[in-house]
């Protein structure tokens, strides 16, 4: 009887964490470049009462007897499918159509990666640098800062990331190519907040696009932002399922408690 109590309680804890993950998805439904997560489960160890086995001449137990000990969360799988594109008209808003990530440099010099292309201009003396909303430098294909000299206007960014602008003489000048990277296993990336990811041993080293024609990195769309890939209806259905699973586990605990109470009240 106590086994049922512990198994059901593990289910309640797992579904509570499932609701936490779903709630985080719903909270970020309007977050630029957000990728939804899905909680995965594993069953716990089994108590083997009778092993399935067959002895000589077909005698034995072809079907064993095992009782499980509940469930535990095993992983939060992040879904990197593309979100919908929203037109903004801002020339510094960029969306990636494909699997790539932008590279940014944090204040400590480390690299981070993002799908949030809502970039800004940060003044540095007479020149300007392309940065994120938090002031992190956006890096080029050469892993260098992207600098826009003073007086340059009509910023244009092509599908392959080439940034051009018009100088004071009216000539079009190339200012660099925005860097894009990809990963062998993007699901292994570590989310660190602020729409940023860090590479891990599970994700592998980032692969920098060396040539504009390299496949698998995606294309850049200027004047658009990639919105969250969270589907509200889908998450609401998942929330209802998680709530019902939680309720069922509480019912199992109540039933086990009632059975124990009846056993305690037995009279000879």
C-alpha atoms as a PDB file:
ATOM      1  CA  UNK A   1       0.000   0.000   0.000  1.00  0.00           C
ATOM      2  CA  UNK A   2       2.812   2.389   0.816  1.00  0.00           C
ATOM      3  CA  UNK A   3       4.227   1.804  -2.664  1.00  0.00           C
ATOM      4  CA  UNK A   4       1.137   3.433  -4.151  1.00  0.00           C
ATOM      5  CA  UNK A   5       1.601   6.487  -1.933  1.00  0.00           C
ATOM      6  CA  UNK A   6       5.192   7.029  -3.033  1.00  0.00           C
ATOM      7  CA  UNK A   7       4.437   6.332  -6.707  1.00  0.00           C
ATOM      8  CA  UNK A   8       1.538   8.781  -6.778  1.00  0.00           C
ATOM      9  CA  UNK A   9       3.557  11.434  -4.944  1.00  0.00           C
ATOM     10  CA  UNK A  10       6.315  11.154  -7.563  1.00  0.00           C
ATOM     11  CA  UNK A  11       3.662  11.702 -10.220  1.00  0.00           C
ATOM     12  CA  UNK A  12       2.435  14.831  -8.434  1.00  0.00           C
ATOM     13  CA  UNK A  13       5.955  16.254  -8.228  1.00  0.00           C
ATOM     14  CA  UNK A  14       6.571  15.489 -11.899  1.00  0.00           C
ATOM     15  CA  UNK A  15       3.332  17.130 -13.014  1.00  0.00           C
ATOM     16  CA  UNK A  16       4.044  20.144 -10.830  1.00  0.00           C
ATOM     17  CA  UNK A  17       7.318  20.622 -12.706  1.00  0.00           C
ATOM     18  CA  UNK A  18       5.464  20.047 -15.976  1.00  0.00           C
ATOM     19  CA  UNK A  19       3.091  22.904 -15.113  1.00  0.00           C
ATOM     20  CA  UNK A  20       6.125  25.091 -14.321  1.00  0.00           C
ATOM     21  CA  UNK A  21       7.577  24.431 -17.787  1.00  0.00           C
ATOM     22  CA  UNK A  22       4.254  25.067 -19.538  1.00  0.00           C
ATOM     23  CA  UNK A  23       3.729  28.266 -17.538  1.00  0.00           C
ATOM     24  CA  UNK A  24       7.162  29.519 -18.593  1.00  0.00           C
ATOM     25  CA  UNK A  25       6.231  28.876 -22.225  1.00  0.00           C
ATOM     26  CA  UNK A  26       3.008  30.848 -21.851  1.00  0.00           C
ATOM     27  CA  UNK A  27       4.817  33.678 -20.035  1.00  0.00           C
ATOM     28  CA  UNK A  28       7.188  34.020 -23.014  1.00  0.00           C
ATOM     29  CA  UNK A  29       4.553  33.877 -25.728  1.00  0.00           C
ATOM     30  CA  UNK A  30       5.560  37.397 -26.878  1.00  0.00           C
ATOM     31  CA  UNK A  31       9.311  37.077 -26.247  1.00  0.00           C
ATOM     32  CA  UNK A  32      11.349  37.656 -29.390  1.00  0.00           C
ATOM     33  CA  UNK A  33      13.165  34.522 -30.529  1.00  0.00           C
ATOM     34  CA  UNK A  34      11.935  32.401 -27.607  1.00  0.00           C
ATOM     35  CA  UNK A  35      11.935  28.614 -28.148  1.00  0.00           C
ATOM     36  CA  UNK A  36       9.395  26.560 -26.229  1.00  0.00           C
ATOM     37  CA  UNK A  37      10.373  23.685 -23.954  1.00  0.00           C
ATOM     38  CA  UNK A  38       8.774  20.310 -23.338  1.00  0.00           C
ATOM     39  CA  UNK A  39       9.257  18.227 -20.206  1.00  0.00           C
ATOM     40  CA  UNK A  40      10.139  14.566 -20.715  1.00  0.00           C
ATOM     41  CA  UNK A  41       9.598  11.780 -18.176  1.00  0.00           C
ATOM     42  CA  UNK A  42      11.137   8.416 -17.255  1.00  0.00           C
ATOM     43  CA  UNK A  43       9.706   5.626 -15.155  1.00  0.00           C
ATOM     44  CA  UNK A  44      11.559   4.698 -11.976  1.00  0.00           C
ATOM     45  CA  UNK A  45      12.989   1.352 -10.900  1.00  0.00           C
ATOM     46  CA  UNK A  46      10.747  -1.708 -10.882  1.00  0.00           C
ATOM     47  CA  UNK A  47      10.341  -4.273  -8.156  1.00  0.00           C
ATOM     48  CA  UNK A  48      10.547  -7.668  -9.812  1.00  0.00           C
ATOM     49  CA  UNK A  49       8.353 -10.152  -7.969  1.00  0.00           C
ATOM     50  CA  UNK A  50       8.482 -12.828 -10.659  1.00  0.00           C
ATOM     51  CA  UNK A  51      10.925 -12.823 -13.535  1.00  0.00           C
ATOM     52  CA  UNK A  52       9.669 -13.786 -16.977  1.00  0.00           C
ATOM     53  CA  UNK A  53      11.405 -17.012 -17.894  1.00  0.00           C
ATOM     54  CA  UNK A  54      10.852 -20.293 -19.734  1.00  0.00           C
ATOM     55  CA  UNK A  55      12.347 -23.539 -18.507  1.00  0.00           C
ATOM     56  CA  UNK A  56      12.759 -26.821 -20.306  1.00  0.00           C
ATOM     57  CA  UNK A  57       9.857 -28.200 -22.343  1.00  0.00           C
ATOM     58  CA  UNK A  58       8.130 -24.808 -22.418  1.00  0.00           C
ATOM     59  CA  UNK A  59       7.426 -24.694 -18.689  1.00  0.00           C
ATOM     60  CA  UNK A  60       7.861 -21.466 -16.749  1.00  0.00           C
ATOM     61  CA  UNK A  61       6.462 -17.939 -16.539  1.00  0.00           C
ATOM     62  CA  UNK A  62       6.307 -16.320 -19.978  1.00  0.00           C
ATOM     63  CA  UNK A  63       5.017 -13.108 -18.399  1.00  0.00           C
ATOM     64  CA  UNK A  64       6.679 -11.742 -15.290  1.00  0.00           C
ATOM     65  CA  UNK A  65       5.305  -9.722 -12.388  1.00  0.00           C
ATOM     66  CA  UNK A  66       6.766  -6.272 -11.844  1.00  0.00           C
ATOM     67  CA  UNK A  67       5.558  -3.229  -9.953  1.00  0.00           C
ATOM     68  CA  UNK A  68       6.857   0.266 -10.722  1.00  0.00           C
ATOM     69  CA  UNK A  69       7.841   2.971  -8.267  1.00  0.00           C
ATOM     70  CA  UNK A  70       6.583   6.038 -10.103  1.00  0.00           C
ATOM     71  CA  UNK A  71       8.034   8.612 -12.483  1.00  0.00           C
ATOM     72  CA  UNK A  72      10.687  11.305 -12.597  1.00  0.00           C
ATOM     73  CA  UNK A  73      11.422  14.200 -14.982  1.00  0.00           C
ATOM     74  CA  UNK A  74      14.358  13.380 -17.233  1.00  0.00           C
ATOM     75  CA  UNK A  75      14.880  16.406 -19.504  1.00  0.00           C
ATOM     76  CA  UNK A  76      13.443  19.647 -20.809  1.00  0.00           C
ATOM     77  CA  UNK A  77      13.585  19.331 -24.580  1.00  0.00           C
ATOM     78  CA  UNK A  78      13.771  22.685 -26.364  1.00  0.00           C
ATOM     79  CA  UNK A  79      12.003  23.002 -29.697  1.00  0.00           C
ATOM     80  CA  UNK A  80      14.003  25.118 -32.159  1.00  0.00           C
ATOM     81  CA  UNK A  81      11.407  25.260 -34.908  1.00  0.00           C
ATOM     82  CA  UNK A  82      11.007  28.729 -36.347  1.00  0.00           C
ATOM     83  CA  UNK A  83       8.504  31.201 -34.972  1.00  0.00           C
ATOM     84  CA  UNK A  84       6.302  33.540 -36.957  1.00  0.00           C
ATOM     85  CA  UNK A  85       7.877  36.656 -38.476  1.00  0.00           C
ATOM     86  CA  UNK A  86       6.608  40.086 -37.488  1.00  0.00           C
ATOM     87  CA  UNK A  87       7.312  43.078 -39.689  1.00  0.00           C
ATOM     88  CA  UNK A  88       8.653  46.104 -37.837  1.00  0.00           C
ATOM     89  CA  UNK A  89      10.119  48.320 -40.576  1.00  0.00           C
ATOM     90  CA  UNK A  90      13.185  48.959 -38.407  1.00  0.00           C
ATOM     91  CA  UNK A  91      16.336  48.388 -40.503  1.00  0.00           C
ATOM     92  CA  UNK A  92      18.193  47.078 -37.439  1.00  0.00           C
ATOM     93  CA  UNK A  93      15.587  44.385 -36.709  1.00  0.00           C
ATOM     94  CA  UNK A  94      16.738  41.081 -38.173  1.00  0.00           C
ATOM     95  CA  UNK A  95      15.123  37.663 -38.321  1.00  0.00           C
ATOM     96  CA  UNK A  96      16.785  34.375 -39.244  1.00  0.00           C
ATOM     97  CA  UNK A  97      14.836  32.081 -41.525  1.00  0.00           C
ATOM     98  CA  UNK A  98      16.597  28.790 -40.897  1.00  0.00           C
ATOM     99  CA  UNK A  99      18.698  27.130 -38.208  1.00  0.00           C
ATOM    100  CA  UNK A 100      21.367  29.743 -37.529  1.00  0.00           C
ATOM    101  CA  UNK A 101      22.142  31.906 -34.494  1.00  0.00           C
ATOM    102  CA  UNK A 102      23.617  35.378 -34.121  1.00  0.00           C
ATOM    103  CA  UNK A 103      26.894  35.649 -32.194  1.00  0.00           C
ATOM    104  CA  UNK A 104      27.249  38.194 -29.402  1.00  0.00           C
ATOM    105  CA  UNK A 105      30.118  39.049 -27.095  1.00  0.00           C
ATOM    106  CA  UNK A 106      29.384  39.579 -23.421  1.00  0.00           C
ATOM    107  CA  UNK A 107      31.311  41.995 -21.157  1.00  0.00           C
ATOM    108  CA  UNK A 108      33.635  39.206 -19.953  1.00  0.00           C
ATOM    109  CA  UNK A 109      34.614  38.437 -23.554  1.00  0.00           C
ATOM    110  CA  UNK A 110      32.719  35.140 -23.738  1.00  0.00           C
ATOM    111  CA  UNK A 111      30.524  34.187 -26.670  1.00  0.00           C
ATOM    112  CA  UNK A 112      26.761  33.746 -26.476  1.00  0.00           C
ATOM    113  CA  UNK A 113      24.197  32.990 -29.139  1.00  0.00           C
ATOM    114  CA  UNK A 114      20.719  34.296 -29.801  1.00  0.00           C
ATOM    115  CA  UNK A 115      17.792  34.275 -32.213  1.00  0.00           C
ATOM    116  CA  UNK A 116      16.685  37.709 -30.997  1.00  0.00           C
ATOM    117  CA  UNK A 117      17.596  40.114 -33.774  1.00  0.00           C
ATOM    118  CA  UNK A 118      16.267  43.347 -32.210  1.00  0.00           C
ATOM    119  CA  UNK A 119      19.609  45.121 -32.492  1.00  0.00           C
ATOM    120  CA  UNK A 120      20.508  48.677 -31.567  1.00  0.00           C
ATOM    121  CA  UNK A 121      23.245  51.243 -32.221  1.00  0.00           C
ATOM    122  CA  UNK A 122      25.707  52.005 -29.418  1.00  0.00           C
ATOM    123  CA  UNK A 123      27.832  55.135 -29.733  1.00  0.00           C
ATOM    124  CA  UNK A 124      31.580  54.708 -29.342  1.00  0.00           C
ATOM    125  CA  UNK A 125      33.200  58.062 -29.902  1.00  0.00           C
ATOM    126  CA  UNK A 126      32.496  59.138 -33.469  1.00  0.00           C
ATOM    127  CA  UNK A 127      31.578  55.636 -34.609  1.00  0.00           C
ATOM    128  CA  UNK A 128      28.701  53.325 -33.723  1.00  0.00           C
ATOM    129  CA  UNK A 129      28.597  49.602 -33.004  1.00  0.00           C
ATOM    130  CA  UNK A 130      25.819  47.124 -33.558  1.00  0.00           C
ATOM    131  CA  UNK A 131      24.692  45.733 -30.170  1.00  0.00           C
ATOM    132  CA  UNK A 132      21.846  43.819 -28.549  1.00  0.00           C
ATOM    133  CA  UNK A 133      19.247  45.407 -26.282  1.00  0.00           C
ATOM    134  CA  UNK A 134      21.558  44.644 -23.327  1.00  0.00           C
ATOM    135  CA  UNK A 135      24.535  46.333 -24.995  1.00  0.00           C
ATOM    136  CA  UNK A 136      26.354  43.131 -25.993  1.00  0.00           C
ATOM    137  CA  UNK A 137      28.353  43.462 -29.201  1.00  0.00           C
ATOM    138  CA  UNK A 138      27.005  41.684 -32.270  1.00  0.00           C
ATOM    139  CA  UNK A 139      29.881  39.955 -34.038  1.00  0.00           C
ATOM    140  CA  UNK A 140      30.633  39.713 -37.723  1.00  0.00           C
ATOM    141  CA  UNK A 141      31.574  36.669 -39.777  1.00  0.00           C
ATOM    142  CA  UNK A 142      35.180  37.467 -38.768  1.00  0.00           C
ATOM    143  CA  UNK A 143      34.102  37.496 -35.097  1.00  0.00           C
ATOM    144  CA  UNK A 144      34.817  41.205 -34.878  1.00  0.00           C
ATOM    145  CA  UNK A 145      32.656  44.175 -33.907  1.00  0.00           C
ATOM    146  CA  UNK A 146      30.349  45.615 -36.560  1.00  0.00           C
ATOM    147  CA  UNK A 147      31.139  49.332 -36.744  1.00  0.00           C
ATOM    148  CA  UNK A 148      29.101  51.977 -38.561  1.00  0.00           C
ATOM    149  CA  UNK A 149      31.154  55.161 -39.130  1.00  0.00           C
ATOM    150  CA  UNK A 150      29.729  58.569 -38.320  1.00  0.00           C
ATOM    151  CA  UNK A 151      27.594  60.067 -41.052  1.00  0.00           C
ATOM    152  CA  UNK A 152      26.717  56.763 -42.734  1.00  0.00           C
ATOM    153  CA  UNK A 153      23.035  56.351 -43.577  1.00  0.00           C
ATOM    154  CA  UNK A 154      20.650  54.010 -45.431  1.00  0.00           C
ATOM    155  CA  UNK A 155      21.770  50.864 -43.642  1.00  0.00           C
ATOM    156  CA  UNK A 156      20.941  47.766 -45.644  1.00  0.00           C
ATOM    157  CA  UNK A 157      21.479  44.110 -44.712  1.00  0.00           C
ATOM    158  CA  UNK A 158      21.211  41.462 -47.395  1.00  0.00           C
ATOM    159  CA  UNK A 159      19.887  37.930 -47.026  1.00  0.00           C
ATOM    160  CA  UNK A 160      23.438  36.596 -46.574  1.00  0.00           C
ATOM    161  CA  UNK A 161      24.174  39.147 -43.838  1.00  0.00           C
ATOM    162  CA  UNK A 162      26.217  41.683 -45.832  1.00  0.00           C
ATOM    163  CA  UNK A 163      25.823  45.097 -44.188  1.00  0.00           C
ATOM    164  CA  UNK A 164      26.141  48.161 -46.413  1.00  0.00           C
ATOM    165  CA  UNK A 165      25.532  51.866 -45.862  1.00  0.00           C
ATOM    166  CA  UNK A 166      25.780  55.121 -47.773  1.00  0.00           C
ATOM    167  CA  UNK A 167      28.717  57.342 -46.845  1.00  0.00           C
ATOM    168  CA  UNK A 168      28.826  61.136 -46.784  1.00  0.00           C
ATOM    169  CA  UNK A 169      29.737  61.186 -50.479  1.00  0.00           C
ATOM    170  CA  UNK A 170      26.691  59.119 -51.396  1.00  0.00           C
ATOM    171  CA  UNK A 171      28.712  55.966 -52.157  1.00  0.00           C
ATOM    172  CA  UNK A 172      27.599  52.530 -50.968  1.00  0.00           C
ATOM    173  CA  UNK A 173      30.193  51.012 -48.641  1.00  0.00           C
ATOM    174  CA  UNK A 174      30.440  47.462 -47.283  1.00  0.00           C
ATOM    175  CA  UNK A 175      30.777  47.453 -43.494  1.00  0.00           C
ATOM    176  CA  UNK A 176      31.019  43.721 -42.842  1.00  0.00           C
ATOM    177  CA  UNK A 177      28.971  40.568 -42.808  1.00  0.00           C
ATOM    178  CA  UNK A 178      26.863  39.584 -39.794  1.00  0.00           C
ATOM    179  CA  UNK A 179      28.077  36.308 -38.357  1.00  0.00           C
ATOM    180  CA  UNK A 180      25.837  33.256 -38.219  1.00  0.00           C
ATOM    181  CA  UNK A 181      26.608  29.967 -36.502  1.00  0.00           C
ATOM    182  CA  UNK A 182      24.968  26.577 -36.177  1.00  0.00           C
ATOM    183  CA  UNK A 183      25.356  23.602 -33.857  1.00  0.00           C
ATOM    184  CA  UNK A 184      25.435  19.873 -34.368  1.00  0.00           C
ATOM    185  CA  UNK A 185      22.996  19.458 -31.473  1.00  0.00           C
ATOM    186  CA  UNK A 186      21.172  22.738 -30.723  1.00  0.00           C
ATOM    187  CA  UNK A 187      19.004  20.944 -28.140  1.00  0.00           C
ATOM    188  CA  UNK A 188      22.153  20.724 -26.002  1.00  0.00           C
ATOM    189  CA  UNK A 189      22.482  24.509 -25.719  1.00  0.00           C
ATOM    190  CA  UNK A 190      22.203  26.034 -22.246  1.00  0.00           C
ATOM    191  CA  UNK A 191      19.647  28.835 -21.883  1.00  0.00           C
ATOM    192  CA  UNK A 192      21.091  31.585 -19.652  1.00  0.00           C
ATOM    193  CA  UNK A 193      18.317  34.182 -19.868  1.00  0.00           C
ATOM    194  CA  UNK A 194      18.137  37.476 -21.745  1.00  0.00           C
ATOM    195  CA  UNK A 195      17.330  35.476 -24.921  1.00  0.00           C
ATOM    196  CA  UNK A 196      20.864  34.036 -24.887  1.00  0.00           C
ATOM    197  CA  UNK A 197      22.265  30.523 -25.147  1.00  0.00           C
ATOM    198  CA  UNK A 198      25.669  29.112 -24.251  1.00  0.00           C
ATOM    199  CA  UNK A 199      27.342  26.212 -25.986  1.00  0.00           C
ATOM    200  CA  UNK A 200      28.004  23.048 -23.997  1.00  0.00           C
ATOM    201  CA  UNK A 201      29.784  19.766 -24.574  1.00  0.00           C
ATOM    202  CA  UNK A 202      26.389  18.339 -25.522  1.00  0.00           C
ATOM    203  CA  UNK A 203      25.734  20.987 -28.184  1.00  0.00           C
ATOM    204  CA  UNK A 204      29.259  20.805 -29.600  1.00  0.00           C
ATOM    205  CA  UNK A 205      31.438  23.697 -30.744  1.00  0.00           C
ATOM    206  CA  UNK A 206      29.687  26.341 -32.791  1.00  0.00           C
ATOM    207  CA  UNK A 207      30.231  26.187 -36.542  1.00  0.00           C
ATOM    208  CA  UNK A 208      30.803  29.622 -38.043  1.00  0.00           C
ATOM    209  CA  UNK A 209      29.555  30.334 -41.551  1.00  0.00           C
ATOM    210  CA  UNK A 210      32.645  30.904 -43.645  1.00  0.00           C
ATOM    211  CA  UNK A 211      30.948  31.592 -46.958  1.00  0.00           C
ATOM    212  CA  UNK A 212      27.669  33.246 -47.833  1.00  0.00           C
ATOM    213  CA  UNK A 213      26.676  30.173 -49.836  1.00  0.00           C
ATOM    214  CA  UNK A 214      27.238  27.685 -46.967  1.00  0.00           C
ATOM    215  CA  UNK A 215      23.949  25.775 -46.436  1.00  0.00           C
ATOM    216  CA  UNK A 216      22.221  25.147 -43.135  1.00  0.00           C
ATOM    217  CA  UNK A 217      22.701  28.578 -41.559  1.00  0.00           C
ATOM    218  CA  UNK A 218      19.544  30.222 -42.838  1.00  0.00           C
ATOM    219  CA  UNK A 219      18.966  33.614 -44.376  1.00  0.00           C
ATOM    220  CA  UNK A 220      18.567  37.028 -42.747  1.00  0.00           C
ATOM    221  CA  UNK A 221      15.431  39.082 -43.271  1.00  0.00           C
ATOM    222  CA  UNK A 222      15.784  42.797 -42.556  1.00  0.00           C
ATOM    223  CA  UNK A 223      12.948  44.726 -40.955  1.00  0.00           C
ATOM    224  CA  UNK A 224      11.429  41.634 -39.313  1.00  0.00           C
ATOM    225  CA  UNK A 225      11.648  39.922 -35.933  1.00  0.00           C
ATOM    226  CA  UNK A 226      11.155  36.246 -35.200  1.00  0.00           C
ATOM    227  CA  UNK A 227       8.514  35.861 -32.537  1.00  0.00           C
ATOM    228  CA  UNK A 228       8.133  33.028 -30.033  1.00  0.00           C
ATOM    229  CA  UNK A 229       7.229  29.611 -31.430  1.00  0.00           C
ATOM    230  CA  UNK A 230       4.824  29.011 -28.526  1.00  0.00           C
ATOM    231  CA  UNK A 231       1.323  27.993 -29.629  1.00  0.00           C
ATOM    232  CA  UNK A 232      -1.078  29.225 -26.951  1.00  0.00           C
ATOM    233  CA  UNK A 233      -3.816  26.687 -27.739  1.00  0.00           C
ATOM    234  CA  UNK A 234      -1.350  23.801 -27.631  1.00  0.00           C
ATOM    235  CA  UNK A 235       0.093  24.963 -24.307  1.00  0.00           C
ATOM    236  CA  UNK A 236      -3.382  25.384 -22.812  1.00  0.00           C
ATOM    237  CA  UNK A 237      -4.248  21.815 -23.796  1.00  0.00           C
ATOM    238  CA  UNK A 238      -0.964  20.609 -22.247  1.00  0.00           C
ATOM    239  CA  UNK A 239      -1.798  22.584 -19.107  1.00  0.00           C
ATOM    240  CA  UNK A 240      -5.205  20.916 -18.813  1.00  0.00           C
ATOM    241  CA  UNK A 241      -3.666  17.458 -19.312  1.00  0.00           C
ATOM    242  CA  UNK A 242      -1.019  18.164 -16.650  1.00  0.00           C
ATOM    243  CA  UNK A 243      -3.676  19.392 -14.223  1.00  0.00           C
ATOM    244  CA  UNK A 244      -5.814  16.295 -14.769  1.00  0.00           C
ATOM    245  CA  UNK A 245      -2.780  14.023 -14.296  1.00  0.00           C
ATOM    246  CA  UNK A 246      -2.034  15.827 -11.026  1.00  0.00           C
ATOM    247  CA  UNK A 247      -5.623  15.334  -9.875  1.00  0.00           C
ATOM    248  CA  UNK A 248      -5.510  11.619 -10.724  1.00  0.00           C
ATOM    249  CA  UNK A 249      -2.375  11.184  -8.630  1.00  0.00           C
ATOM    250  CA  UNK A 250      -3.999  12.964  -5.683  1.00  0.00           C
ATOM    251  CA  UNK A 251      -6.954  10.597  -6.066  1.00  0.00           C
ATOM    252  CA  UNK A 252      -4.554   7.629  -5.914  1.00  0.00           C
ATOM    253  CA  UNK A 253      -3.097   8.977  -2.666  1.00  0.00           C
ATOM    254  CA  UNK A 254      -6.581   9.479  -1.187  1.00  0.00           C
ATOM    255  CA  UNK A 255      -7.598   5.955  -2.181  1.00  0.00           C
ATOM    256  CA  UNK A 256      -4.453   4.460  -0.662  1.00  0.00           C
ATOM    257  CA  UNK A 257      -5.042   6.414   2.538  1.00  0.00           C
ATOM    258  CA  UNK A 258      -8.621   5.159   2.773  1.00  0.00           C
ATOM    259  CA  UNK A 259      -7.487   1.555   2.242  1.00  0.00           C
ATOM    260  CA  UNK A 260      -4.883   1.931   4.989  1.00  0.00           C
ATOM    261  CA  UNK A 261      -7.535   3.397   7.282  1.00  0.00           C
ATOM    262  CA  UNK A 262      -9.816   0.448   6.640  1.00  0.00           C
ATOM    263  CA  UNK A 263      -6.982  -1.984   7.328  1.00  0.00           C
ATOM    264  CA  UNK A 264      -6.223  -0.220  10.610  1.00  0.00           C
ATOM    265  CA  UNK A 265      -9.854  -0.470  11.670  1.00  0.00           C
ATOM    266  CA  UNK A 266     -10.103  -4.223  11.210  1.00  0.00           C
ATOM    267  CA  UNK A 267     -11.472  -6.090  14.206  1.00  0.00           C
ATOM    268  CA  UNK A 268     -10.865  -9.760  14.953  1.00  0.00           C
END
